[in-house]
PDB file of N, CA and C in Angstrom:
ATOM      1  N   MET A   1      71.138  91.972  60.680  1.00  0.00           N
ATOM      2  CA  MET A   1      71.093  93.088  60.431  1.00  0.00           C
ATOM      3  C   MET A   1      72.739  93.380  59.915  1.00  0.00           C
ATOM      4  N   TYR A   2      72.518  93.820  59.159  1.00  0.00           N
ATOM      5  CA  TYR A   2      74.166  94.253  57.569  1.00  0.00           C
ATOM      6  C   TYR A   2      74.723  95.836  57.562  1.00  0.00           C
ATOM      7  N   ALA A   3      75.920  95.766  57.339  1.00  0.00           N
ATOM      8  CA  ALA A   3      76.459  96.992  57.511  1.00  0.00           C
ATOM      9  C   ALA A   3      77.050  97.114  56.055  1.00  0.00           C
ATOM     10  N   VAL A   4      77.277  98.445  55.359  1.00  0.00           N
ATOM     11  CA  VAL A   4      78.426  98.510  54.649  1.00  0.00           C
ATOM     12  C   VAL A   4      79.444  99.350  55.248  1.00  0.00           C
ATOM     13  N   VAL A   5      80.835  98.906  55.115  1.00  0.00           N
ATOM     14  CA  VAL A   5      81.748  99.886  55.466  1.00  0.00           C
ATOM     15  C   VAL A   5      82.956  99.757  54.143  1.00  0.00           C
ATOM     16  N   VAL A   6      83.872 100.372  54.450  1.00  0.00           N
ATOM     17  CA  VAL A   6      84.795 101.495  53.882  1.00  0.00           C
ATOM     18  C   VAL A   6      85.884 100.268  54.341  1.00  0.00           C
ATOM     19  N   THR A   7      87.120  99.842  53.150  1.00  0.00           N
ATOM     20  CA  THR A   7      88.383  99.357  53.754  1.00  0.00           C
ATOM     21  C   THR A   7      89.279  99.407  52.325  1.00  0.00           C
ATOM     22  N   GLY A   8      90.530  99.915  52.672  1.00  0.00           N
ATOM     23  CA  GLY A   8      91.202  99.980  51.487  1.00  0.00           C
ATOM     24  C   GLY A   8      90.547 100.691  49.866  1.00  0.00           C
ATOM     25  N   GLY A   9      89.762 101.519  50.392  1.00  0.00           N
ATOM     26  CA  GLY A   9      89.282 102.112  49.051  1.00  0.00           C
ATOM     27  C   GLY A   9      87.979 101.492  47.941  1.00  0.00           C
ATOM     28  N   LYS A  10      87.676 100.495  49.320  1.00  0.00           N
ATOM     29  CA  LYS A  10      85.957  99.360  48.254  1.00  0.00           C
ATOM     30  C   LYS A  10      85.352  99.676  49.635  1.00  0.00           C
ATOM     31  N   GLN A  11      84.134  99.349  49.174  1.00  0.00           N
ATOM     32  CA  GLN A  11      83.110  99.434  50.205  1.00  0.00           C
ATOM     33  C   GLN A  11      82.416  98.098  50.173  1.00  0.00           C
ATOM     34  N   TYR A  12      82.247  97.058  51.148  1.00  0.00           N
ATOM     35  CA  TYR A  12      81.698  96.122  51.328  1.00  0.00           C
ATOM     36  C   TYR A  12      80.423  95.489  52.015  1.00  0.00           C
ATOM     37  N   ARG A  13      79.479  94.972  51.203  1.00  0.00           N
ATOM     38  CA  ARG A  13      78.130  95.051  52.381  1.00  0.00           C
ATOM     39  C   ARG A  13      78.440  93.569  53.562  1.00  0.00           C
ATOM     40  N   VAL A  14      78.410  93.758  54.634  1.00  0.00           N
ATOM     41  CA  VAL A  14      78.214  92.339  55.594  1.00  0.00           C
ATOM     42  C   VAL A  14      77.500  92.224  56.545  1.00  0.00           C
ATOM     43  N   GLN A  15      77.546  90.860  56.796  1.00  0.00           N
ATOM     44  CA  GLN A  15      76.350  90.431  58.079  1.00  0.00           C
ATOM     45  C   GLN A  15      77.750  89.909  58.886  1.00  0.00           C
ATOM     46  N   GLU A  16      77.274  89.477  60.250  1.00  0.00           N
ATOM     47  CA  GLU A  16      77.789  88.168  61.205  1.00  0.00           C
ATOM     48  C   GLU A  16      78.255  87.426  60.628  1.00  0.00           C
ATOM     49  N   GLY A  17      79.172  86.848  60.900  1.00  0.00           N
ATOM     50  CA  GLY A  17      79.647  85.119  59.733  1.00  0.00           C
ATOM     51  C   GLY A  17      80.059  85.697  58.520  1.00  0.00           C
ATOM     52  N   ASP A  18      80.029  86.469  58.130  1.00  0.00           N
ATOM     53  CA  ASP A  18      80.627  86.612  56.547  1.00  0.00           C
ATOM     54  C   ASP A  18      81.801  86.119  56.630  1.00  0.00           C
ATOM     55  N   VAL A  19      82.476  86.304  55.705  1.00  0.00           N
ATOM     56  CA  VAL A  19      84.069  85.871  55.247  1.00  0.00           C
ATOM     57  C   VAL A  19      84.324  86.445  53.999  1.00  0.00           C
ATOM     58  N   ILE A  20      85.054  87.726  54.126  1.00  0.00           N
ATOM     59  CA  ILE A  20      85.324  88.720  53.177  1.00  0.00           C
ATOM     60  C   ILE A  20      86.812  88.708  52.818  1.00  0.00           C
ATOM     61  N   TYR A  21      87.461  89.136  51.161  1.00  0.00           N
ATOM     62  CA  TYR A  21      88.401  89.335  51.353  1.00  0.00           C
ATOM     63  C   TYR A  21      88.815  90.923  50.978  1.00  0.00           C
ATOM     64  N   VAL A  22      89.701  91.604  51.735  1.00  0.00           N
ATOM     65  CA  VAL A  22      89.532  92.879  51.373  1.00  0.00           C
ATOM     66  C   VAL A  22      91.644  93.283  51.460  1.00  0.00           C
ATOM     67  N   GLU A  23      91.394  94.327  50.972  1.00  0.00           N
ATOM     68  CA  GLU A  23      93.137  94.803  50.673  1.00  0.00           C
ATOM     69  C   GLU A  23      93.811  94.547  51.883  1.00  0.00           C
ATOM     70  N   LYS A  24      95.320  94.769  52.199  1.00  0.00           N
ATOM     71  CA  LYS A  24      96.164  94.147  52.826  1.00  0.00           C
ATOM     72  C   LYS A  24      95.955  95.497  53.888  1.00  0.00           C
ATOM     73  N   LEU A  25      96.046  94.625  55.102  1.00  0.00           N
ATOM     74  CA  LEU A  25      95.620  95.501  56.309  1.00  0.00           C
ATOM     75  C   LEU A  25      96.846  94.713  57.337  1.00  0.00           C
ATOM     76  N   GLU A  26      97.289  96.062  58.109  1.00  0.00           N
ATOM     77  CA  GLU A  26      98.864  95.634  59.292  1.00  0.00           C
ATOM     78  C   GLU A  26      97.663  94.700  59.993  1.00  0.00           C
ATOM     79  N   ALA A  27      97.600  93.713  60.470  1.00  0.00           N
ATOM     80  CA  ALA A  27      97.162  92.652  61.277  1.00  0.00           C
ATOM     81  C   ALA A  27      97.552  92.216  61.787  1.00  0.00           C
ATOM     82  N   ASP A  28      97.813  91.111  62.790  1.00  0.00           N
ATOM     83  CA  ASP A  28      98.445  89.856  62.638  1.00  0.00           C
ATOM     84  C   ASP A  28      97.079  88.852  62.962  1.00  0.00           C
ATOM     85  N   VAL A  29      97.656  87.577  62.482  1.00  0.00           N
ATOM     86  CA  VAL A  29      96.126  86.477  62.104  1.00  0.00           C
ATOM     87  C   VAL A  29      96.016  85.950  63.238  1.00  0.00           C
ATOM     88  N   GLU A  30      94.478  85.946  63.860  1.00  0.00           N
ATOM     89  CA  GLU A  30      93.993  85.612  64.978  1.00  0.00           C
ATOM     90  C   GLU A  30      93.559  86.623  65.943  1.00  0.00           C
ATOM     91  N   THR A  31      94.159  87.536  65.337  1.00  0.00           N
ATOM     92  CA  THR A  31      93.403  89.051  66.347  1.00  0.00           C
ATOM     93  C   THR A  31      91.872  90.108  65.557  1.00  0.00           C
ATOM     94  N   SER A  32      91.675  90.230  66.575  1.00  0.00           N
ATOM     95  CA  SER A  32      90.763  91.204  65.827  1.00  0.00           C
ATOM     96  C   SER A  32      91.194  92.807  65.671  1.00  0.00           C
ATOM     97  N   ILE A  33      89.855  93.284  64.567  1.00  0.00           N
ATOM     98  CA  ILE A  33      90.604  94.309  64.136  1.00  0.00           C
ATOM     99  C   ILE A  33      88.977  95.182  64.074  1.00  0.00           C
ATOM    100  N   GLU A  34      89.022  96.263  64.440  1.00  0.00           N
ATOM    101  CA  GLU A  34      88.078  96.919  63.880  1.00  0.00           C
ATOM    102  C   GLU A  34      87.547  97.950  63.185  1.00  0.00           C
ATOM    103  N   LEU A  35      86.480  97.929  62.202  1.00  0.00           N
ATOM    104  CA  LEU A  35      85.924  98.406  61.167  1.00  0.00           C
ATOM    105  C   LEU A  35      85.680 100.090  61.494  1.00  0.00           C
ATOM    106  N   GLY A  36      86.008 101.065  61.469  1.00  0.00           N
ATOM    107  CA  GLY A  36      85.098 102.374  62.066  1.00  0.00           C
ATOM    108  C   GLY A  36      84.385 103.058  61.095  1.00  0.00           C
ATOM    109  N   ASP A  37      84.657 102.567  59.497  1.00  0.00           N
ATOM    110  CA  ASP A  37      84.083 103.999  58.550  1.00  0.00           C
ATOM    111  C   ASP A  37      82.836 103.117  57.874  1.00  0.00           C
ATOM    112  N   VAL A  38      81.589 102.705  58.871  1.00  0.00           N
ATOM    113  CA  VAL A  38      79.947 102.799  58.558  1.00  0.00           C
ATOM    114  C   VAL A  38      79.629 103.346  57.590  1.00  0.00           C
ATOM    115  N   LEU A  39      79.184 103.139  56.617  1.00  0.00           N
ATOM    116  CA  LEU A  39      78.669 104.174  55.882  1.00  0.00           C
ATOM    117  C   LEU A  39      76.901 103.888  56.194  1.00  0.00           C
ATOM    118  N   ALA A  40      76.393 102.764  56.132  1.00  0.00           N
ATOM    119  CA  ALA A  40      75.551 102.286  56.096  1.00  0.00           C
ATOM    120  C   ALA A  40      74.467 101.243  57.347  1.00  0.00           C
ATOM    121  N   LEU A  41      73.578 100.728  58.048  1.00  0.00           N
ATOM    122  CA  LEU A  41      73.079 100.246  58.739  1.00  0.00           C
ATOM    123  C   LEU A  41      71.721  99.328  57.982  1.00  0.00           C
ATOM    124  N   GLY A  42      72.137  98.433  58.078  1.00  0.00           N
ATOM    125  CA  GLY A  42      70.206  97.720  57.508  1.00  0.00           C
ATOM    126  C   GLY A  42      69.689  97.387  59.297  1.00  0.00           C
ATOM    127  N   LYS A  43      68.847  97.459  59.620  1.00  0.00           N
ATOM    128  CA  LYS A  43      67.963  96.808  60.364  1.00  0.00           C
ATOM    129  C   LYS A  43      66.844  96.470  60.245  1.00  0.00           C
ATOM    130  N   GLU A  44      66.098  95.886  61.407  1.00  0.00           N
ATOM    131  CA  GLU A  44      65.152  95.409  61.205  1.00  0.00           C
ATOM    132  C   GLU A  44      63.257  96.599  61.016  1.00  0.00           C
ATOM    133  N   ASP A  45      64.237  97.748  61.548  1.00  0.00           N
ATOM    134  CA  ASP A  45      63.246  98.573  61.637  1.00  0.00           C
ATOM    135  C   ASP A  45      63.097  99.506  60.337  1.00  0.00           C
ATOM    136  N   GLY A  46      64.541  99.734  59.225  1.00  0.00           N
ATOM    137  CA  GLY A  46      65.093 100.337  58.161  1.00  0.00           C
ATOM    138  C   GLY A  46      66.249 100.623  58.108  1.00  0.00           C
ATOM    139  N   LEU A  47      66.791 101.087  57.170  1.00  0.00           N
ATOM    140  CA  LEU A  47      67.846 101.682  56.801  1.00  0.00           C
ATOM    141  C   LEU A  47      68.543 102.966  57.344  1.00  0.00           C
ATOM    142  N   VAL A  48      69.681 103.309  58.304  1.00  0.00           N
ATOM    143  CA  VAL A  48      70.516 104.070  58.658  1.00  0.00           C
ATOM    144  C   VAL A  48      71.321 104.315  57.815  1.00  0.00           C
ATOM    145  N   VAL A  49      71.029 105.591  57.059  1.00  0.00           N
ATOM    146  CA  VAL A  49      72.387 106.215  56.650  1.00  0.00           C
ATOM    147  C   VAL A  49      73.359 107.199  56.822  1.00  0.00           C
ATOM    148  N   GLY A  50      74.489 106.799  56.943  1.00  0.00           N
ATOM    149  CA  GLY A  50      75.458 108.176  57.502  1.00  0.00           C
ATOM    150  C   GLY A  50      75.484 109.300  56.710  1.00  0.00           C
ATOM    151  N   THR A  51      76.227 110.248  57.624  1.00  0.00           N
ATOM    152  CA  THR A  51      76.966 111.344  56.658  1.00  0.00           C
ATOM    153  C   THR A  51      77.779 111.716  57.079  1.00  0.00           C
ATOM    154  N   PRO A  52      79.126 111.678  56.676  1.00  0.00           N
ATOM    155  CA  PRO A  52      79.175 110.686  55.482  1.00  0.00           C
ATOM    156  C   PRO A  52      79.153 108.912  56.407  1.00  0.00           C
ATOM    157  N   VAL A  53      79.711 108.978  57.217  1.00  0.00           N
ATOM    158  CA  VAL A  53      79.341 107.985  58.522  1.00  0.00           C
ATOM    159  C   VAL A  53      78.844 107.716  59.888  1.00  0.00           C
ATOM    160  N   VAL A  54      78.186 106.523  59.972  1.00  0.00           N
ATOM    161  CA  VAL A  54      77.470 106.250  60.882  1.00  0.00           C
ATOM    162  C   VAL A  54      77.777 106.885  62.121  1.00  0.00           C
ATOM    163  N   GLU A  55      77.404 107.708  63.072  1.00  0.00           N
ATOM    164  CA  GLU A  55      77.835 107.916  64.840  1.00  0.00           C
ATOM    165  C   GLU A  55      77.843 106.414  65.349  1.00  0.00           C
ATOM    166  N   GLY A  56      78.966 106.638  65.991  1.00  0.00           N
ATOM    167  CA  GLY A  56      78.984 105.582  67.159  1.00  0.00           C
ATOM    168  C   GLY A  56      79.090 103.961  66.751  1.00  0.00           C
ATOM    169  N   ALA A  57      79.143 103.729  65.006  1.00  0.00           N
ATOM    170  CA  ALA A  57      79.113 102.376  64.090  1.00  0.00           C
ATOM    171  C   ALA A  57      80.307 101.683  64.233  1.00  0.00           C
ATOM    172  N   LYS A  58      80.848  99.966  64.387  1.00  0.00           N
ATOM    173  CA  LYS A  58      80.973  99.942  64.002  1.00  0.00           C
ATOM    174  C   LYS A  58      81.346  98.180  63.653  1.00  0.00           C
ATOM    175  N   VAL A  59      82.944  97.641  63.198  1.00  0.00           N
ATOM    176  CA  VAL A  59      81.962  96.625  62.457  1.00  0.00           C
ATOM    177  C   VAL A  59      83.431  95.619  63.500  1.00  0.00           C
ATOM    178  N   ILE A  60      83.138  95.005  64.065  1.00  0.00           N
ATOM    179  CA  ILE A  60      84.597  93.820  63.972  1.00  0.00           C
ATOM    180  C   ILE A  60      84.725  92.886  63.755  1.00  0.00           C
ATOM    181  N   ALA A  61      86.346  92.351  63.791  1.00  0.00           N
ATOM    182  CA  ALA A  61      85.917  91.430  62.638  1.00  0.00           C
ATOM    183  C   ALA A  61      87.872  90.326  63.156  1.00  0.00           C
ATOM    184  N   LYS A  62      87.725  89.565  63.249  1.00  0.00           N
ATOM    185  CA  LYS A  62      88.425  88.203  63.197  1.00  0.00           C
ATOM    186  C   LYS A  62      89.652  88.162  61.363  1.00  0.00           C
ATOM    187  N   VAL A  63      90.698  88.296  61.623  1.00  0.00           N
ATOM    188  CA  VAL A  63      91.925  88.227  61.085  1.00  0.00           C
ATOM    189  C   VAL A  63      91.970  86.247  60.355  1.00  0.00           C
ATOM    190  N   LEU A  64      91.983  85.703  59.562  1.00  0.00           N
ATOM    191  CA  LEU A  64      92.098  84.617  59.518  1.00  0.00           C
ATOM    192  C   LEU A  64      93.307  84.331  58.596  1.00  0.00           C
ATOM    193  N   GLU A  65      93.582  84.925  57.817  1.00  0.00           N
ATOM    194  CA  GLU A  65      94.801  84.777  56.520  1.00  0.00           C
ATOM    195  C   GLU A  65      95.301  86.158  56.389  1.00  0.00           C
ATOM    196  N   GLN A  66      96.782  86.453  56.284  1.00  0.00           N
ATOM    197  CA  GLN A  66      97.526  87.012  55.381  1.00  0.00           C
ATOM    198  C   GLN A  66      98.037  86.274  54.142  1.00  0.00           C
ATOM    199  N   GLY A  67      97.637  86.692  52.950  1.00  0.00           N
ATOM    200  CA  GLY A  67      98.076  86.209  51.572  1.00  0.00           C
ATOM    201  C   GLY A  67      98.286  86.960  50.343  1.00  0.00           C
ATOM    202  N   LYS A  68      98.320  85.793  49.164  1.00  0.00           N
ATOM    203  CA  LYS A  68      98.438  86.860  48.181  1.00  0.00           C
ATOM    204  C   LYS A  68      97.714  85.893  47.035  1.00  0.00           C
ATOM    205  N   ALA A  69      96.966  86.695  46.355  1.00  0.00           N
ATOM    206  CA  ALA A  69      96.174  86.294  45.079  1.00  0.00           C
ATOM    207  C   ALA A  69      96.622  85.246  44.269  1.00  0.00           C
ATOM    208  N   LYS A  70      96.087  84.807  43.237  1.00  0.00           N
ATOM    209  CA  LYS A  70      96.831  84.398  42.503  1.00  0.00           C
ATOM    210  C   LYS A  70      97.713  85.224  41.451  1.00  0.00           C
ATOM    211  N   LYS A  71      98.548  85.041  40.472  1.00  0.00           N
ATOM    212  CA  LYS A  71      99.526  85.292  39.669  1.00  0.00           C
ATOM    213  C   LYS A  71      98.561  86.391  38.469  1.00  0.00           C
ATOM    214  N   VAL A  72      99.117  87.074  38.043  1.00  0.00           N
ATOM    215  CA  VAL A  72      98.394  88.122  37.154  1.00  0.00           C
ATOM    216  C   VAL A  72      99.761  88.113  35.990  1.00  0.00           C
ATOM    217  N   ILE A  73      99.430  87.856  34.943  1.00  0.00           N
ATOM    218  CA  ILE A  73     100.249  88.411  33.726  1.00  0.00           C
ATOM    219  C   ILE A  73     100.224  89.456  33.473  1.00  0.00           C
ATOM    220  N   VAL A  74     101.158  90.588  33.614  1.00  0.00           N
ATOM    221  CA  VAL A  74     100.651  92.032  32.315  1.00  0.00           C
ATOM    222  C   VAL A  74     101.997  91.422  31.514  1.00  0.00           C
ATOM    223  N   PHE A  75     101.561  91.416  29.966  1.00  0.00           N
ATOM    224  CA  PHE A  75     102.453  91.439  29.039  1.00  0.00           C
ATOM    225  C   PHE A  75     102.027  92.345  27.952  1.00  0.00           C
ATOM    226  N   LYS A  76     103.071  92.907  27.872  1.00  0.00           N
ATOM    227  CA  LYS A  76     102.841  94.317  26.776  1.00  0.00           C
ATOM    228  C   LYS A  76     103.728  94.208  25.904  1.00  0.00           C
ATOM    229  N   TYR A  77     103.457  94.286  24.449  1.00  0.00           N
ATOM    230  CA  TYR A  77     104.048  94.756  23.283  1.00  0.00           C
ATOM    231  C   TYR A  77     103.938  95.411  22.386  1.00  0.00           C
ATOM    232  N   LYS A  78     104.736  95.632  21.203  1.00  0.00           N
ATOM    233  CA  LYS A  78     103.938  96.393  19.823  1.00  0.00           C
ATOM    234  C   LYS A  78     104.778  95.676  18.743  1.00  0.00           C
ATOM    235  N   ARG A  79     103.520  95.442  17.970  1.00  0.00           N
ATOM    236  CA  ARG A  79     104.029  94.651  16.924  1.00  0.00           C
ATOM    237  C   ARG A  79     104.980  95.357  15.948  1.00  0.00           C
ATOM    238  N   LYS A  80     105.905  94.380  14.863  1.00  0.00           N
ATOM    239  CA  LYS A  80     107.163  94.774  14.513  1.00  0.00           C
ATOM    240  C   LYS A  80     108.047  95.304  14.863  1.00  0.00           C
ATOM    241  N   LYS A  81     108.146  96.019  16.091  1.00  0.00           N
ATOM    242  CA  LYS A  81     109.036  96.955  16.641  1.00  0.00           C
ATOM    243  C   LYS A  81     110.242  95.925  17.815  1.00  0.00           C
ATOM    244  N   ASP A  82     109.841  94.543  18.219  1.00  0.00           N
ATOM    245  CA  ASP A  82     110.810  93.877  18.313  1.00  0.00           C
ATOM    246  C   ASP A  82     110.707  94.225  20.331  1.00  0.00           C
ATOM    247  N   TYR A  83     109.733  94.553  21.097  1.00  0.00           N
ATOM    248  CA  TYR A  83     109.497  95.674  21.980  1.00  0.00           C
ATOM    249  C   TYR A  83     108.420  93.959  22.523  1.00  0.00           C
ATOM    250  N   ARG A  84     109.009  93.926  23.925  1.00  0.00           N
ATOM    251  CA  ARG A  84     108.260  92.868  24.650  1.00  0.00           C
ATOM    252  C   ARG A  84     108.144  92.906  26.041  1.00  0.00           C
ATOM    253  N   ARG A  85     107.609  93.144  26.718  1.00  0.00           N
ATOM    254  CA  ARG A  85     107.692  93.112  28.286  1.00  0.00           C
ATOM    255  C   ARG A  85     106.817  92.343  28.659  1.00  0.00           C
ATOM    256  N   LYS A  86     106.950  91.496  30.077  1.00  0.00           N
ATOM    257  CA  LYS A  86     106.058  90.317  30.385  1.00  0.00           C
ATOM    258  C   LYS A  86     106.684  90.508  32.029  1.00  0.00           C
ATOM    259  N   GLN A  87     105.631  91.189  32.711  1.00  0.00           N
ATOM    260  CA  GLN A  87     105.896  91.154  34.396  1.00  0.00           C
ATOM    261  C   GLN A  87     104.492  90.281  34.475  1.00  0.00           C
ATOM    262  N   GLY A  88     104.842  89.891  35.904  1.00  0.00           N
ATOM    263  CA  GLY A  88     104.328  88.540  36.899  1.00  0.00           C
ATOM    264  C   GLY A  88     103.467  90.293  38.445  1.00  0.00           C
ATOM    265  N   HIS A  89     102.184  89.582  38.539  1.00  0.00           N
ATOM    266  CA  HIS A  89     102.275  90.787  39.947  1.00  0.00           C
ATOM    267  C   HIS A  89     100.850  89.755  40.790  1.00  0.00           C
ATOM    268  N   ARG A  90     101.470  89.706  41.837  1.00  0.00           N
ATOM    269  CA  ARG A  90     100.726  89.245  43.254  1.00  0.00           C
ATOM    270  C   ARG A  90      99.698  89.975  44.088  1.00  0.00           C
ATOM    271  N   GLN A  91      99.250  90.011  43.790  1.00  0.00           N
ATOM    272  CA  GLN A  91      97.801  91.292  44.623  1.00  0.00           C
ATOM    273  C   GLN A  91      97.748  90.495  46.543  1.00  0.00           C
ATOM    274  N   PRO A  92      98.650  91.446  47.216  1.00  0.00           N
ATOM    275  CA  PRO A  92      98.166  90.691  48.607  1.00  0.00           C
ATOM    276  C   PRO A  92      97.200  91.196  49.414  1.00  0.00           C
ATOM    277  N   PHE A  93      96.515  89.778  50.178  1.00  0.00           N
ATOM    278  CA  PHE A  93      94.923  90.458  51.392  1.00  0.00           C
ATOM    279  C   PHE A  93      94.897  89.462  51.898  1.00  0.00           C
ATOM    280  N   THR A  94      94.337  90.200  52.786  1.00  0.00           N
ATOM    281  CA  THR A  94      94.198  89.680  54.200  1.00  0.00           C
ATOM    282  C   THR A  94      92.316  89.436  54.106  1.00  0.00           C
ATOM    283  N   LYS A  95      91.892  88.070  54.377  1.00  0.00           N
ATOM    284  CA  LYS A  95      90.838  87.226  55.073  1.00  0.00           C
ATOM    285  C   LYS A  95      90.400  87.795  56.435  1.00  0.00           C
ATOM    286  N   LEU A  96      89.159  88.102  56.505  1.00  0.00           N
ATOM    287  CA  LEU A  96      88.610  88.626  57.706  1.00  0.00           C
ATOM    288  C   LEU A  96      87.086  87.491  57.667  1.00  0.00           C
ATOM    289  N   GLN A  97      86.519  87.250  58.681  1.00  0.00           N
ATOM    290  CA  GLN A  97      85.691  86.892  58.900  1.00  0.00           C
ATOM    291  C   GLN A  97      84.804  87.996  60.131  1.00  0.00           C
ATOM    292  N   ILE A  98      83.331  88.084  59.683  1.00  0.00           N
ATOM    293  CA  ILE A  98      82.873  89.691  60.515  1.00  0.00           C
ATOM    294  C   ILE A  98      82.270  88.969  61.400  1.00  0.00           C
ATOM    295  N   GLU A  99      82.609  89.122  62.927  1.00  0.00           N
ATOM    296  CA  GLU A  99      82.110  88.758  64.142  1.00  0.00           C
ATOM    297  C   GLU A  99      80.801  89.565  64.617  1.00  0.00           C
ATOM    298  N   LYS A 100      81.023  90.911  64.677  1.00  0.00           N
ATOM    299  CA  LYS A 100      80.332  91.850  65.889  1.00  0.00           C
ATOM    300  C   LYS A 100      79.704  92.746  64.343  1.00  0.00           C
ATOM    301  N   ILE A 101      78.634  93.655  64.557  1.00  0.00           N
ATOM    302  CA  ILE A 101      78.427  94.964  63.925  1.00  0.00           C
ATOM    303  C   ILE A 101      77.705  95.360  65.069  1.00  0.00           C
ATOM    304  N   GLU A 102      78.383  97.044  65.885  1.00  0.00           N
ATOM    305  CA  GLU A 102      77.671  97.645  67.104  1.00  0.00           C
ATOM    306  C   GLU A 102      77.295  98.687  65.954  1.00  0.00           C
ATOM    307  N   ALA A 103      76.085  98.804  66.419  1.00  0.00           N
ATOM    308  CA  ALA A 103      75.638 100.119  66.237  1.00  0.00           C
ATOM    309  C   ALA A 103      75.048 101.004  67.678  1.00  0.00           C
TER     310      ALA A 103
END
């Protein structure tokens, strides 16, 4: 069985045991969280699509890590004008392991 969930403005297709990286969630490490926005469920007997979410469906996940991604360099310049700006950015993330999909 698989589910399509929404978190952080993005959609993820997950199964039990999957490890995914999502936008930062306010949760402590080694705690369980519930992802309630389930858009679709894939079962053995077919696909169940919600309008817009599947009623009563939820995904239980365990927080494995809170961290930051690798640094991305943002460099802007205008030629011949002596204009240069260098800026770095590290996007925070939450690493989740999918424990259970409840329909």
